[in-house]
N, C-alpha and C. Protein backbone atom coordinates (compact mmCIF):
# COMPACT_ATOMS: atom_id res chain seq x y z
N MET A 1 95.89 80.99 71.11
CA MET A 1 95.78 82.25 72.21
C MET A 1 96.52 81.93 73.50
N ASN A 2 97.36 82.37 73.76
CA ASN A 2 98.30 82.19 75.35
C ASN A 2 97.49 82.77 76.27
N ARG A 3 96.97 82.03 77.41
CA ARG A 3 96.53 82.57 78.52
C ARG A 3 97.19 82.28 79.82
N GLU A 4 97.37 83.34 80.31
CA GLU A 4 98.25 83.57 81.76
C GLU A 4 97.42 84.23 82.73
N SER A 5 97.86 84.08 83.83
CA SER A 5 97.25 84.77 84.82
C SER A 5 97.89 85.29 85.92
N THR A 6 97.36 86.41 86.55
CA THR A 6 98.22 87.20 87.38
C THR A 6 97.29 87.63 88.47
N ALA A 7 97.77 88.35 89.75
CA ALA A 7 96.71 89.04 90.71
C ALA A 7 97.31 89.93 91.00
N PHE A 8 96.40 91.13 91.76
CA PHE A 8 96.66 91.98 92.16
C PHE A 8 95.82 92.55 93.26
N GLY A 9 96.27 93.33 94.17
CA GLY A 9 95.26 93.71 95.29
C GLY A 9 94.43 95.06 95.10
N ILE A 10 93.43 95.31 95.72
CA ILE A 10 92.56 96.34 95.49
C ILE A 10 92.06 96.75 96.86
N ASP A 11 92.64 98.04 97.27
CA ASP A 11 92.22 98.43 98.37
C ASP A 11 91.38 99.83 98.26
N CYS A 12 90.20 99.89 99.06
CA CYS A 12 89.04 100.81 99.07
C CYS A 12 88.34 100.96 99.91
N PRO A 13 88.15 102.10 100.55
CA PRO A 13 87.30 102.56 101.85
C PRO A 13 85.77 101.86 101.70
N VAL A 14 85.47 101.43 103.19
CA VAL A 14 84.44 101.07 103.34
C VAL A 14 83.35 102.37 103.39
N ASN A 15 82.31 102.24 102.97
CA ASN A 15 81.17 103.52 102.84
C ASN A 15 80.43 103.51 104.24
N ARG A 16 81.14 104.39 105.08
CA ARG A 16 80.55 104.57 106.54
C ARG A 16 79.80 106.00 106.51
N SER A 17 79.52 106.55 105.43
CA SER A 17 78.79 108.02 105.42
C SER A 17 77.59 108.04 105.81
N GLY A 18 77.05 107.11 105.73
CA GLY A 18 75.44 107.07 105.96
C GLY A 18 74.80 107.26 104.80
N GLY A 19 75.30 107.64 103.67
CA GLY A 19 74.79 107.91 102.25
C GLY A 19 74.60 106.80 101.42
N THR A 20 74.35 106.79 100.27
CA THR A 20 74.24 105.71 99.26
C THR A 20 75.55 105.41 98.78
N GLY A 21 76.53 106.49 98.56
CA GLY A 21 77.85 106.06 98.14
C GLY A 21 77.89 105.59 96.62
N VAL A 22 79.00 105.31 96.03
CA VAL A 22 78.96 105.15 94.66
C VAL A 22 79.10 103.39 94.50
N ARG A 23 78.17 102.87 93.89
CA ARG A 23 78.30 101.39 93.54
C ARG A 23 79.47 101.22 92.53
N VAL A 24 80.20 100.25 92.49
CA VAL A 24 81.17 99.76 91.42
C VAL A 24 80.55 98.55 90.98
N THR A 25 80.19 98.40 89.62
CA THR A 25 79.85 97.13 88.95
C THR A 25 80.93 96.18 88.13
N GLY A 26 82.18 96.97 88.07
CA GLY A 26 82.91 96.57 87.46
C GLY A 26 84.27 97.13 87.02
N LEU A 27 85.40 96.45 86.81
CA LEU A 27 86.70 97.20 86.42
C LEU A 27 87.11 96.97 85.05
N LEU A 28 87.88 97.64 84.49
CA LEU A 28 88.48 97.81 83.12
C LEU A 28 89.69 97.55 83.48
N VAL A 29 90.41 96.53 83.11
CA VAL A 29 91.85 96.15 83.40
C VAL A 29 92.55 95.88 82.18
N SER A 30 93.60 96.54 82.13
CA SER A 30 94.72 96.17 81.02
C SER A 30 95.80 95.41 81.43
N PRO A 31 95.78 94.04 80.93
CA PRO A 31 96.60 93.29 81.60
C PRO A 31 98.24 93.56 81.02
N PRO A 32 99.20 93.23 81.68
CA PRO A 32 100.58 93.93 81.31
C PRO A 32 100.73 93.17 80.00
N ASN A 33 101.48 93.99 79.17
CA ASN A 33 101.96 93.93 77.72
C ASN A 33 100.96 93.58 77.03
N GLU A 34 99.58 94.32 76.92
CA GLU A 34 98.50 94.37 76.47
C GLU A 34 97.97 95.26 76.07
N THR A 35 97.06 95.77 75.10
CA THR A 35 96.43 96.79 74.71
C THR A 35 95.02 96.98 74.84
N GLU A 36 94.23 95.57 75.11
CA GLU A 36 93.07 95.88 75.10
C GLU A 36 92.50 95.38 76.62
N THR A 37 91.49 96.12 76.84
CA THR A 37 90.98 95.77 78.41
C THR A 37 90.48 94.61 78.69
N VAL A 38 90.33 94.36 79.89
CA VAL A 38 89.27 93.01 80.00
C VAL A 38 88.30 93.73 81.06
N THR A 39 87.36 93.28 81.03
CA THR A 39 86.08 93.72 82.01
C THR A 39 86.11 92.61 83.29
N LEU A 40 86.36 93.22 84.34
CA LEU A 40 86.09 92.03 85.53
C LEU A 40 84.99 92.76 86.43
N ALA A 41 84.12 91.49 86.58
CA ALA A 41 83.03 92.03 87.63
C ALA A 41 83.44 92.29 89.13
N TRP A 42 82.85 93.43 89.60
CA TRP A 42 82.98 93.66 91.13
C TRP A 42 82.38 92.46 91.97
N PRO A 43 83.00 91.82 92.67
CA PRO A 43 82.56 90.78 93.43
C PRO A 43 81.68 91.11 94.56
N ASP A 44 81.34 92.50 94.85
CA ASP A 44 80.88 92.89 96.14
C ASP A 44 79.79 93.77 95.84
N ALA A 45 78.73 93.96 96.72
CA ALA A 45 77.67 94.67 96.45
C ALA A 45 77.94 96.03 97.12
N ALA A 46 78.81 96.35 98.00
CA ALA A 46 79.25 97.32 98.82
C ALA A 46 79.71 98.69 98.03
N THR A 47 79.52 99.83 98.68
CA THR A 47 79.54 101.37 97.71
C THR A 47 80.69 101.63 98.16
N LEU A 48 81.43 102.61 97.47
CA LEU A 48 82.49 103.57 97.83
C LEU A 48 81.90 104.78 98.66
N PRO A 49 82.45 105.24 99.47
CA PRO A 49 81.97 106.71 99.88
C PRO A 49 82.18 107.83 98.70
N VAL A 50 81.24 108.89 98.76
CA VAL A 50 81.73 110.05 97.92
C VAL A 50 82.29 110.95 98.40
N THR A 51 83.34 111.43 97.73
CA THR A 51 84.21 112.42 98.41
C THR A 51 84.43 113.62 97.45
N ASP A 52 84.71 114.71 97.74
CA ASP A 52 85.15 116.04 97.02
C ASP A 52 86.69 116.14 96.69
N SER A 53 87.25 115.05 97.41
CA SER A 53 88.52 115.23 97.43
C SER A 53 89.06 114.79 95.67
N ALA A 54 90.32 115.39 95.01
CA ALA A 54 90.90 115.05 93.64
C ALA A 54 91.73 113.58 93.79
N ASN A 55 91.90 113.40 95.28
CA ASN A 55 92.67 112.34 95.53
C ASN A 55 91.59 110.59 95.51
N SER A 56 92.11 110.05 95.00
CA SER A 56 91.59 108.63 95.00
C SER A 56 91.86 108.05 96.18
N PRO A 57 90.72 107.54 96.97
CA PRO A 57 90.98 106.70 98.26
C PRO A 57 91.06 105.22 97.67
N VAL A 58 90.93 104.69 96.28
CA VAL A 58 91.21 103.44 95.92
C VAL A 58 92.43 103.27 95.46
N ARG A 59 93.11 102.05 95.83
CA ARG A 59 94.49 102.03 95.45
C ARG A 59 94.45 100.49 94.72
N VAL A 60 95.11 100.41 93.98
CA VAL A 60 95.53 99.31 92.97
C VAL A 60 96.98 98.82 93.48
N GLY A 61 97.11 97.61 93.95
CA GLY A 61 98.46 97.11 94.08
C GLY A 61 99.31 96.66 93.02
N PRO A 62 100.59 96.31 92.73
CA PRO A 62 101.19 95.90 91.81
C PRO A 62 100.71 94.70 91.28
N VAL A 63 100.76 94.40 89.83
CA VAL A 63 100.35 93.30 89.48
C VAL A 63 101.17 92.22 89.84
N GLY A 64 100.68 91.03 90.10
CA GLY A 64 101.60 90.16 90.57
C GLY A 64 102.01 90.29 92.42
N GLY A 65 101.37 91.30 92.99
CA GLY A 65 101.53 91.51 94.16
C GLY A 65 100.63 91.20 95.27
N ALA A 66 99.20 90.62 94.81
CA ALA A 66 98.60 89.98 95.72
C ALA A 66 98.98 89.00 96.70
N GLY A 67 98.65 89.18 98.03
CA GLY A 67 99.54 88.55 99.03
C GLY A 67 100.94 88.56 99.35
N GLN A 68 101.58 89.78 98.67
CA GLN A 68 102.89 89.82 98.76
C GLN A 68 103.14 91.37 99.29
N GLY A 69 102.07 91.34 100.15
CA GLY A 69 102.38 92.94 100.86
C GLY A 69 102.47 94.14 99.70
N GLY A 70 101.95 94.13 98.76
CA GLY A 70 101.99 95.05 97.45
C GLY A 70 100.82 95.97 98.09
């Protein structure tokens, strides 16, 4: 099995709503050129604010883009 690494940035808002928010426990990621997902643990105990908006305030940068202004 050939293993490679990559990086990507995740930008998400801080929950300052005063409510409990939504706690993220992990991410499911499909690496480039792969069909199976990999589960990544969420490294923080912070929560995301709950919103009624259809637009997600969470943004995932381009694969390989972490630290490159992505």
